Amino acid sequence: MTNLEQIEQRLHELAPSGPDDLSRAMSYALFGGGKRLRPRLVMAAAETFGIDPALALDPACAIEMVHTYSLVHDDLPCMDNDDFRRGRPTVHRVFIEGIAVLTGDALLTEAFRIISESNGLSDHQKVRLITVLAARAGKDGMVGGQAIDILSSDMIVTQELTLQIDQKKTGELFSSSLEFGAIIAHAPEAIQMRLRGIGHQLGFAYQILDDLEDAQNDDKATMLSILGHDASRERLRRTIDEIYHQLSKLPSGAEPIKSILDLIFHTGQVVR
């Protein structure tokens, strides 16, 4: 069974199965066709350091729940006000808006419970995972980035501000995914910090790629709108090269992680 298949199976086991609207909304959000990039990176990072990726499965699923919660809340009328996500009506369109809010709340809370009950991890590791996820997903991380993004409509949008938003909204959760694998593998703190930096670069590259693929959306300032198409593609190419260079310094060249990045960036074809 591949890591992706393990993730899907475990998420089905962890997802609520009750007939109530909240349980149904949580499952609807979780199984909406996501690529599972973040949990796959958790397992790939653990594998990079010689750890059985199955040991990282529950923390990986916890990260996916946090990511899913963020999407549910991002889609709300008070945020991005989106009617569709991955070709399907958003949670607040299928259910009521209040249930969508609570769906995000429940997914976030479940993530921490899942980590606390993970088998095969020491109490120290569990506390470290919870601390990292809370920091990367909270006020100084993903949520903080969303707040800056909302308030940026009243700011002069610069390249530095856009980079800050991308690093927080996207990069911090990628960082926590890679850090999770290192924590599970008992990797040194210096390695965890290196992976955090790689996660920031990955978030930046991923956001530029997303902007390039969604170039018709001119509603808000992005790195693409600031740099222009050609400069954005060149910045993306350089960032991807640096990510792979940094990964090459890790054990076995971090091939498990690189295999996931190859799926994201199509082995560099996007920048040609």
C-alpha atoms as a PDB file:
ATOM      1  CA  MET A   1       0.000   0.000   0.000  1.00  0.00           C
ATOM      2  CA  THR A   2       1.411   3.395  -0.977  1.00  0.00           C
ATOM      3  CA  ASN A   3       1.720   6.280   1.466  1.00  0.00           C
ATOM      4  CA  LEU A   4      -1.189   8.014  -0.279  1.00  0.00           C
ATOM      5  CA  GLU A   5      -3.382   4.921   0.058  1.00  0.00           C
ATOM      6  CA  GLN A   6      -2.457   4.646   3.738  1.00  0.00           C
ATOM      7  CA  ILE A   7      -3.386   8.294   4.271  1.00  0.00           C
ATOM      8  CA  GLU A   8      -6.763   7.896   2.575  1.00  0.00           C
ATOM      9  CA  GLN A   9      -7.566   4.752   4.532  1.00  0.00           C
ATOM     10  CA  ARG A  10      -6.540   6.280   7.855  1.00  0.00           C
ATOM     11  CA  LEU A  11      -8.484   9.490   7.226  1.00  0.00           C
ATOM     12  CA  HIS A  12     -11.598   7.395   6.615  1.00  0.00           C
ATOM     13  CA  GLU A  13     -10.956   5.632   9.921  1.00  0.00           C
ATOM     14  CA  LEU A  14     -10.461   8.920  11.760  1.00  0.00           C
ATOM     15  CA  ALA A  15     -13.313  10.848  10.156  1.00  0.00           C
ATOM     16  CA  PRO A  16     -16.615  10.997  12.059  1.00  0.00           C
ATOM     17  CA  SER A  17     -19.294   8.683  10.710  1.00  0.00           C
ATOM     18  CA  GLY A  18     -22.416   9.964  12.467  1.00  0.00           C
ATOM     19  CA  PRO A  19     -25.566  11.093  10.635  1.00  0.00           C
ATOM     20  CA  ASP A  20     -25.517  14.575  12.183  1.00  0.00           C
ATOM     21  CA  ASP A  21     -24.738  17.589   9.996  1.00  0.00           C
ATOM     22  CA  LEU A  22     -21.427  18.355  11.707  1.00  0.00           C
ATOM     23  CA  SER A  23     -20.067  14.840  11.130  1.00  0.00           C
ATOM     24  CA  ARG A  24     -21.286  14.837   7.540  1.00  0.00           C
ATOM     25  CA  ALA A  25     -19.789  18.272   6.911  1.00  0.00           C
ATOM     26  CA  MET A  26     -16.401  17.201   8.308  1.00  0.00           C
ATOM     27  CA  SER A  27     -16.321  14.164   6.031  1.00  0.00           C
ATOM     28  CA  TYR A  28     -17.515  16.247   3.074  1.00  0.00           C
ATOM     29  CA  ALA A  29     -14.638  18.657   3.629  1.00  0.00           C
ATOM     30  CA  LEU A  30     -12.007  15.943   4.155  1.00  0.00           C
ATOM     31  CA  PHE A  31     -12.866  13.921   1.075  1.00  0.00           C
ATOM     32  CA  GLY A  32     -13.175  16.641  -1.508  1.00  0.00           C
ATOM     33  CA  GLY A  33     -10.409  15.514  -3.850  1.00  0.00           C
ATOM     34  CA  GLY A  34      -7.292  16.951  -2.202  1.00  0.00           C
ATOM     35  CA  LYS A  35      -3.811  15.867  -3.317  1.00  0.00           C
ATOM     36  CA  ARG A  36      -2.740  15.138   0.294  1.00  0.00           C
ATOM     37  CA  LEU A  37       0.579  16.873  -0.356  1.00  0.00           C
ATOM     38  CA  ARG A  38       1.195  17.879   3.232  1.00  0.00           C
ATOM     39  CA  PRO A  39       0.606  14.470   4.853  1.00  0.00           C
ATOM     40  CA  ARG A  40       2.634  12.829   2.107  1.00  0.00           C
ATOM     41  CA  LEU A  41       5.488  15.199   2.903  1.00  0.00           C
ATOM     42  CA  VAL A  42       5.291  14.206   6.581  1.00  0.00           C
ATOM     43  CA  MET A  43       5.690  10.550   5.695  1.00  0.00           C
ATOM     44  CA  ALA A  44       8.357  11.267   3.066  1.00  0.00           C
ATOM     45  CA  ALA A  45      10.384  13.315   5.564  1.00  0.00           C
ATOM     46  CA  ALA A  46      10.250  10.489   8.106  1.00  0.00           C
ATOM     47  CA  GLU A  47      11.347   8.036   5.415  1.00  0.00           C
ATOM     48  CA  THR A  48      14.232  10.331   4.461  1.00  0.00           C
ATOM     49  CA  PHE A  49      15.660   9.798   7.956  1.00  0.00           C
ATOM     50  CA  GLY A  50      15.207   6.031   7.840  1.00  0.00           C
ATOM     51  CA  ILE A  51      11.954   5.838   9.802  1.00  0.00           C
ATOM     52  CA  ASP A  52       9.038   3.622   8.795  1.00  0.00           C
ATOM     53  CA  PRO A  53       6.587   6.142   7.289  1.00  0.00           C
ATOM     54  CA  ALA A  54       3.693   4.299   8.959  1.00  0.00           C
ATOM     55  CA  LEU A  55       4.899   5.730  12.285  1.00  0.00           C
ATOM     56  CA  ALA A  56       4.167   9.186  10.904  1.00  0.00           C
ATOM     57  CA  LEU A  57       0.710   8.323   9.566  1.00  0.00           C
ATOM     58  CA  ASP A  58      -1.450   9.780  12.335  1.00  0.00           C
ATOM     59  CA  PRO A  59       0.517  13.049  12.628  1.00  0.00           C
ATOM     60  CA  ALA A  60       0.334  13.275   8.829  1.00  0.00           C
ATOM     61  CA  CYS A  61      -3.449  12.934   8.945  1.00  0.00           C
ATOM     62  CA  ALA A  62      -3.564  15.594  11.674  1.00  0.00           C
ATOM     63  CA  ILE A  63      -1.786  18.033   9.348  1.00  0.00           C
ATOM     64  CA  GLU A  64      -4.313  17.273   6.614  1.00  0.00           C
ATOM     65  CA  MET A  65      -7.148  18.059   9.010  1.00  0.00           C
ATOM     66  CA  VAL A  66      -5.604  21.428   9.821  1.00  0.00           C
ATOM     67  CA  HIS A  67      -5.146  22.154   6.120  1.00  0.00           C
ATOM     68  CA  THR A  68      -8.759  21.170   5.423  1.00  0.00           C
ATOM     69  CA  TYR A  69     -10.053  23.349   8.243  1.00  0.00           C
ATOM     70  CA  SER A  70      -8.176  26.316   6.796  1.00  0.00           C
ATOM     71  CA  LEU A  71      -9.834  25.810   3.409  1.00  0.00           C
ATOM     72  CA  VAL A  72     -13.311  25.555   4.928  1.00  0.00           C
ATOM     73  CA  HIS A  73     -12.794  28.841   6.752  1.00  0.00           C
ATOM     74  CA  ASP A  74     -11.105  30.533   3.774  1.00  0.00           C
ATOM     75  CA  ASP A  75     -14.194  29.828   1.656  1.00  0.00           C
ATOM     76  CA  LEU A  76     -16.617  31.463   4.107  1.00  0.00           C
ATOM     77  CA  PRO A  77     -18.526  34.610   3.046  1.00  0.00           C
ATOM     78  CA  CYS A  78     -16.620  36.677   5.613  1.00  0.00           C
ATOM     79  CA  MET A  79     -13.301  35.552   4.080  1.00  0.00           C
ATOM     80  CA  ASP A  80     -12.918  34.746   0.358  1.00  0.00           C
ATOM     81  CA  ASN A  81     -16.635  34.051  -0.202  1.00  0.00           C
ATOM     82  CA  ASP A  82     -16.117  31.124  -2.580  1.00  0.00           C
ATOM     83  CA  ASP A  83     -18.998  29.016  -3.840  1.00  0.00           C
ATOM     84  CA  PHE A  84     -16.869  26.148  -5.150  1.00  0.00           C
ATOM     85  CA  ARG A  85     -13.776  24.266  -4.034  1.00  0.00           C
ATOM     86  CA  ARG A  86     -12.196  21.609  -6.301  1.00  0.00           C
ATOM     87  CA  GLY A  87     -15.238  21.610  -8.532  1.00  0.00           C
ATOM     88  CA  ARG A  88     -17.750  21.041  -5.716  1.00  0.00           C
ATOM     89  CA  PRO A  89     -19.930  23.444  -3.720  1.00  0.00           C
ATOM     90  CA  THR A  90     -18.104  24.694  -0.644  1.00  0.00           C
ATOM     91  CA  VAL A  91     -19.067  23.444   2.808  1.00  0.00           C
ATOM     92  CA  HIS A  92     -21.091  26.530   3.716  1.00  0.00           C
ATOM     93  CA  ARG A  93     -23.094  26.136   0.489  1.00  0.00           C
ATOM     94  CA  VAL A  94     -23.954  22.487   1.126  1.00  0.00           C
ATOM     95  CA  PHE A  95     -24.562  23.005   4.846  1.00  0.00           C
ATOM     96  CA  ILE A  96     -25.335  26.253   6.645  1.00  0.00           C
ATOM     97  CA  GLU A  97     -22.660  28.829   7.345  1.00  0.00           C
ATOM     98  CA  GLY A  98     -22.617  28.157  11.087  1.00  0.00           C
ATOM     99  CA  ILE A  99     -21.995  24.453  10.507  1.00  0.00           C
ATOM    100  CA  ALA A 100     -19.123  25.349   8.177  1.00  0.00           C
ATOM    101  CA  VAL A 101     -17.527  27.444  10.934  1.00  0.00           C
ATOM    102  CA  LEU A 102     -17.913  24.588  13.402  1.00  0.00           C
ATOM    103  CA  THR A 103     -16.584  22.101  10.836  1.00  0.00           C
ATOM    104  CA  GLY A 104     -13.321  24.014  10.712  1.00  0.00           C
ATOM    105  CA  ASP A 105     -13.248  24.277  14.495  1.00  0.00           C
ATOM    106  CA  ALA A 106     -13.827  20.535  14.894  1.00  0.00           C
ATOM    107  CA  LEU A 107     -11.190  19.531  12.330  1.00  0.00           C
ATOM    108  CA  LEU A 108      -8.593  21.740  14.023  1.00  0.00           C
ATOM    109  CA  THR A 109      -9.411  20.328  17.448  1.00  0.00           C
ATOM    110  CA  GLU A 110      -9.385  16.742  16.192  1.00  0.00           C
ATOM    111  CA  ALA A 111      -5.897  17.244  14.776  1.00  0.00           C
ATOM    112  CA  PHE A 112      -4.403  17.829  18.209  1.00  0.00           C
ATOM    113  CA  ARG A 113      -6.302  14.910  19.732  1.00  0.00           C
ATOM    114  CA  ILE A 114      -5.004  12.595  17.005  1.00  0.00           C
ATOM    115  CA  ILE A 115      -1.406  13.615  17.670  1.00  0.00           C
ATOM    116  CA  SER A 116      -1.830  13.167  21.416  1.00  0.00           C
ATOM    117  CA  GLU A 117      -3.088   9.606  20.891  1.00  0.00           C
ATOM    118  CA  SER A 118      -0.578   8.562  18.200  1.00  0.00           C
ATOM    119  CA  ASN A 119       0.957   5.144  18.762  1.00  0.00           C
ATOM    120  CA  GLY A 120       4.706   4.629  18.745  1.00  0.00           C
ATOM    121  CA  LEU A 121       5.653   8.181  19.708  1.00  0.00           C
ATOM    122  CA  SER A 122       7.060   9.331  23.019  1.00  0.00           C
ATOM    123  CA  ASP A 123       5.290  11.948  25.112  1.00  0.00           C
ATOM    124  CA  HIS A 124       8.151  14.319  24.318  1.00  0.00           C
ATOM    125  CA  GLN A 125       7.620  13.836  20.595  1.00  0.00           C
ATOM    126  CA  LYS A 126       3.880  14.364  20.911  1.00  0.00           C
ATOM    127  CA  VAL A 127       4.373  17.603  22.827  1.00  0.00           C
ATOM    128  CA  ARG A 128       6.922  18.780  20.266  1.00  0.00           C
ATOM    129  CA  LEU A 129       4.594  17.973  17.348  1.00  0.00           C
ATOM    130  CA  ILE A 130       1.695  19.775  19.003  1.00  0.00           C
ATOM    131  CA  THR A 131       3.887  22.787  19.784  1.00  0.00           C
ATOM    132  CA  VAL A 132       5.168  23.021  16.213  1.00  0.00           C
ATOM    133  CA  LEU A 133       1.721  22.653  14.673  1.00  0.00           C
ATOM    134  CA  ALA A 134       0.182  25.229  17.025  1.00  0.00           C
ATOM    135  CA  ALA A 135       2.964  27.698  16.214  1.00  0.00           C
ATOM    136  CA  ARG A 136       2.892  27.168  12.437  1.00  0.00           C
ATOM    137  CA  ALA A 137      -0.890  27.185  12.163  1.00  0.00           C
ATOM    138  CA  GLY A 138      -1.668  29.932  14.671  1.00  0.00           C
ATOM    139  CA  LYS A 139      -1.385  33.690  15.048  1.00  0.00           C
ATOM    140  CA  ASP A 140       2.270  33.863  14.049  1.00  0.00           C
ATOM    141  CA  GLY A 141       1.785  31.391  11.182  1.00  0.00           C
ATOM    142  CA  MET A 142      -1.037  30.441   8.865  1.00  0.00           C
ATOM    143  CA  VAL A 143      -3.824  32.300  10.678  1.00  0.00           C
ATOM    144  CA  GLY A 144      -1.645  35.378  10.998  1.00  0.00           C
ATOM    145  CA  GLY A 145      -0.955  35.274   7.283  1.00  0.00           C
ATOM    146  CA  GLN A 146      -4.659  35.109   6.557  1.00  0.00           C
ATOM    147  CA  ALA A 147      -5.209  38.141   8.791  1.00  0.00           C
ATOM    148  CA  ILE A 148      -2.546  40.129   6.948  1.00  0.00           C
ATOM    149  CA  ASP A 149      -4.074  39.061   3.632  1.00  0.00           C
ATOM    150  CA  ILE A 150      -7.501  40.320   4.697  1.00  0.00           C
ATOM    151  CA  LEU A 151      -6.105  43.642   5.909  1.00  0.00           C
ATOM    152  CA  SER A 152      -3.787  44.086   2.900  1.00  0.00           C
ATOM    153  CA  SER A 153      -6.600  45.655   0.877  1.00  0.00           C
ATOM    154  CA  ASP A 154      -5.929  48.826   2.871  1.00  0.00           C
ATOM    155  CA  MET A 155      -2.137  48.579   2.543  1.00  0.00           C
ATOM    156  CA  ILE A 156       0.380  49.387  -0.142  1.00  0.00           C
ATOM    157  CA  VAL A 157       1.054  45.881  -1.437  1.00  0.00           C
ATOM    158  CA  THR A 158       4.778  45.324  -1.928  1.00  0.00           C
ATOM    159  CA  GLN A 159       6.845  42.312  -2.867  1.00  0.00           C
ATOM    160  CA  GLU A 160       7.924  41.995   0.778  1.00  0.00           C
ATOM    161  CA  LEU A 161       4.333  42.036   2.050  1.00  0.00           C
ATOM    162  CA  THR A 162       3.233  39.471  -0.531  1.00  0.00           C
ATOM    163  CA  LEU A 163       6.176  37.244   0.403  1.00  0.00           C
ATOM    164  CA  GLN A 164       5.232  37.510   4.078  1.00  0.00           C
ATOM    165  CA  ILE A 165       1.635  36.504   3.327  1.00  0.00           C
ATOM    166  CA  ASP A 166       2.719  33.554   1.161  1.00  0.00           C
ATOM    167  CA  GLN A 167       5.221  32.319   3.752  1.00  0.00           C
ATOM    168  CA  LYS A 168       2.654  32.418   6.523  1.00  0.00           C
ATOM    169  CA  LYS A 169      -0.473  31.253   4.701  1.00  0.00           C
ATOM    170  CA  THR A 170       1.186  28.518   2.659  1.00  0.00           C
ATOM    171  CA  GLY A 171       4.791  28.043   3.754  1.00  0.00           C
ATOM    172  CA  GLU A 172       4.220  27.488   7.464  1.00  0.00           C
ATOM    173  CA  LEU A 173       2.061  24.394   6.996  1.00  0.00           C
ATOM    174  CA  PHE A 174       4.528  22.959   4.482  1.00  0.00           C
ATOM    175  CA  SER A 175       7.250  23.687   7.038  1.00  0.00           C
ATOM    176  CA  SER A 176       5.391  21.866   9.787  1.00  0.00           C
ATOM    177  CA  SER A 177       4.933  18.871   7.476  1.00  0.00           C
ATOM    178  CA  LEU A 178       8.657  18.549   6.922  1.00  0.00           C
ATOM    179  CA  GLU A 179       9.468  19.306  10.561  1.00  0.00           C
ATOM    180  CA  PHE A 180       7.044  16.590  11.680  1.00  0.00           C
ATOM    181  CA  GLY A 181       9.041  13.962   9.825  1.00  0.00           C
ATOM    182  CA  ALA A 182      12.272  15.174  11.423  1.00  0.00           C
ATOM    183  CA  ILE A 183      10.753  15.184  14.928  1.00  0.00           C
ATOM    184  CA  ILE A 184       9.431  11.648  14.490  1.00  0.00           C
ATOM    185  CA  ALA A 185      12.910  10.596  13.341  1.00  0.00           C
ATOM    186  CA  HIS A 186      14.641  12.326  16.304  1.00  0.00           C
ATOM    187  CA  ALA A 187      16.616  14.472  13.854  1.00  0.00           C
ATOM    188  CA  PRO A 188      18.749  17.276  15.370  1.00  0.00           C
ATOM    189  CA  GLU A 189      17.246  20.712  15.920  1.00  0.00           C
ATOM    190  CA  ALA A 190      19.493  22.148  13.184  1.00  0.00           C
ATOM    191  CA  ILE A 191      17.950  19.746  10.672  1.00  0.00           C
ATOM    192  CA  GLN A 192      14.462  20.749  11.773  1.00  0.00           C
ATOM    193  CA  MET A 193      15.332  24.405  11.200  1.00  0.00           C
ATOM    194  CA  ARG A 194      16.729  23.616   7.757  1.00  0.00           C
ATOM    195  CA  LEU A 195      13.514  21.829   6.875  1.00  0.00           C
ATOM    196  CA  ARG A 196      11.511  24.786   8.118  1.00  0.00           C
ATOM    197  CA  GLY A 197      13.409  27.015   5.717  1.00  0.00           C
ATOM    198  CA  ILE A 198      12.822  24.582   2.874  1.00  0.00           C
ATOM    199  CA  GLY A 199       9.127  24.606   3.765  1.00  0.00           C
ATOM    200  CA  HIS A 200       9.028  28.383   3.448  1.00  0.00           C
ATOM    201  CA  GLN A 201      10.665  28.177   0.036  1.00  0.00           C
ATOM    202  CA  LEU A 202       8.241  25.461  -0.974  1.00  0.00           C
ATOM    203  CA  GLY A 203       5.271  27.566   0.094  1.00  0.00           C
ATOM    204  CA  PHE A 204       6.579  30.498  -1.928  1.00  0.00           C
ATOM    205  CA  ALA A 205       7.159  28.363  -5.025  1.00  0.00           C
ATOM    206  CA  TYR A 206       3.795  26.655  -4.650  1.00  0.00           C
ATOM    207  CA  GLN A 207       2.022  30.008  -4.443  1.00  0.00           C
ATOM    208  CA  ILE A 208       3.758  31.349  -7.547  1.00  0.00           C
ATOM    209  CA  LEU A 209       2.846  28.149  -9.392  1.00  0.00           C
ATOM    210  CA  ASP A 210      -0.754  28.541  -8.277  1.00  0.00           C
ATOM    211  CA  ASP A 211      -0.765  32.183  -9.420  1.00  0.00           C
ATOM    212  CA  LEU A 212       0.633  31.223 -12.823  1.00  0.00           C
ATOM    213  CA  GLU A 213      -2.011  28.529 -13.275  1.00  0.00           C
ATOM    214  CA  ASP A 214      -4.744  30.950 -12.186  1.00  0.00           C
ATOM    215  CA  ALA A 215      -3.460  34.025 -13.989  1.00  0.00           C
ATOM    216  CA  GLN A 216      -6.949  35.117 -14.998  1.00  0.00           C
ATOM    217  CA  ASN A 217      -7.797  35.890 -11.362  1.00  0.00           C
ATOM    218  CA  ASP A 218      -6.915  39.568 -10.919  1.00  0.00           C
ATOM    219  CA  ASP A 219      -8.917  40.191  -7.742  1.00  0.00           C
ATOM    220  CA  LYS A 220      -5.943  40.651  -5.413  1.00  0.00           C
ATOM    221  CA  ALA A 221      -2.269  41.439  -5.587  1.00  0.00           C
ATOM    222  CA  THR A 222      -0.002  38.421  -5.972  1.00  0.00           C
ATOM    223  CA  MET A 223       3.677  37.898  -6.646  1.00  0.00           C
ATOM    224  CA  LEU A 224       2.679  37.401 -10.284  1.00  0.00           C
ATOM    225  CA  SER A 225       0.946  40.774 -10.476  1.00  0.00           C
ATOM    226  CA  ILE A 226       3.944  42.457  -8.818  1.00  0.00           C
ATOM    227  CA  LEU A 227       6.793  40.779 -10.721  1.00  0.00           C
ATOM    228  CA  GLY A 228       5.091  40.023 -14.010  1.00  0.00           C
ATOM    229  CA  HIS A 229       4.803  36.692 -15.806  1.00  0.00           C
ATOM    230  CA  ASP A 230       8.387  36.196 -17.016  1.00  0.00           C
ATOM    231  CA  ALA A 231      10.037  37.353 -13.796  1.00  0.00           C
ATOM    232  CA  SER A 232       7.679  35.145 -11.764  1.00  0.00           C
ATOM    233  CA  ARG A 233       8.577  32.091 -13.802  1.00  0.00           C
ATOM    234  CA  GLU A 234      12.267  32.849 -13.382  1.00  0.00           C
ATOM    235  CA  ARG A 235      11.828  33.362  -9.624  1.00  0.00           C
ATOM    236  CA  LEU A 236       9.964  30.059  -9.476  1.00  0.00           C
ATOM    237  CA  ARG A 237      12.746  28.256 -11.346  1.00  0.00           C
ATOM    238  CA  ARG A 238      15.433  29.639  -9.029  1.00  0.00           C
ATOM    239  CA  THR A 239      13.419  28.797  -5.921  1.00  0.00           C
ATOM    240  CA  ILE A 240      12.831  25.208  -7.064  1.00  0.00           C
ATOM    241  CA  ASP A 241      16.536  24.815  -7.806  1.00  0.00           C
ATOM    242  CA  GLU A 242      17.407  26.058  -4.318  1.00  0.00           C
ATOM    243  CA  ILE A 243      14.884  23.723  -2.695  1.00  0.00           C
ATOM    244  CA  TYR A 244      16.390  20.711  -4.444  1.00  0.00           C
ATOM    245  CA  HIS A 245      19.898  21.907  -3.584  1.00  0.00           C
ATOM    246  CA  GLN A 246      19.032  22.157   0.111  1.00  0.00           C
ATOM    247  CA  LEU A 247      17.340  18.757   0.053  1.00  0.00           C
ATOM    248  CA  SER A 248      20.417  17.174  -1.510  1.00  0.00           C
ATOM    249  CA  LYS A 249      22.284  17.854   1.749  1.00  0.00           C
ATOM    250  CA  LEU A 250      19.935  15.585   3.706  1.00  0.00           C
ATOM    251  CA  PRO A 251      20.346  11.796   4.103  1.00  0.00           C
ATOM    252  CA  SER A 252      20.044   9.881   0.830  1.00  0.00           C
ATOM    253  CA  GLY A 253      19.525  13.184  -0.937  1.00  0.00           C
ATOM    254  CA  ALA A 254      15.994  13.317   0.509  1.00  0.00           C
ATOM    255  CA  GLU A 255      14.729  11.283  -2.429  1.00  0.00           C
ATOM    256  CA  PRO A 256      11.339  10.504  -0.793  1.00  0.00           C
ATOM    257  CA  ILE A 257      10.698  14.242  -0.369  1.00  0.00           C
ATOM    258  CA  LYS A 258      11.918  15.025  -3.874  1.00  0.00           C
ATOM    259  CA  SER A 259       9.494  12.488  -5.320  1.00  0.00           C
ATOM    260  CA  ILE A 260       6.588  14.456  -3.827  1.00  0.00           C
ATOM    261  CA  LEU A 261       7.990  17.749  -5.092  1.00  0.00           C
ATOM    262  CA  ASP A 262       8.343  16.246  -8.555  1.00  0.00           C
ATOM    263  CA  LEU A 263       4.589  15.693  -8.509  1.00  0.00           C
ATOM    264  CA  ILE A 264       4.010  19.325  -7.544  1.00  0.00           C
ATOM    265  CA  PHE A 265       6.347  20.884 -10.054  1.00  0.00           C
ATOM    266  CA  HIS A 266       6.152  18.249 -12.829  1.00  0.00           C
ATOM    267  CA  THR A 267       9.930  17.862 -12.785  1.00  0.00           C
ATOM    268  CA  GLY A 268      10.415  21.528 -13.644  1.00  0.00           C
ATOM    269  CA  GLN A 269       8.272  21.563 -16.767  1.00  0.00           C
ATOM    270  CA  VAL A 270       6.254  24.466 -15.424  1.00  0.00           C
ATOM    271  CA  VAL A 271       9.220  26.832 -15.696  1.00  0.00           C
ATOM    272  CA  ARG A 272      10.234  25.975 -19.246  1.00  0.00           C
END
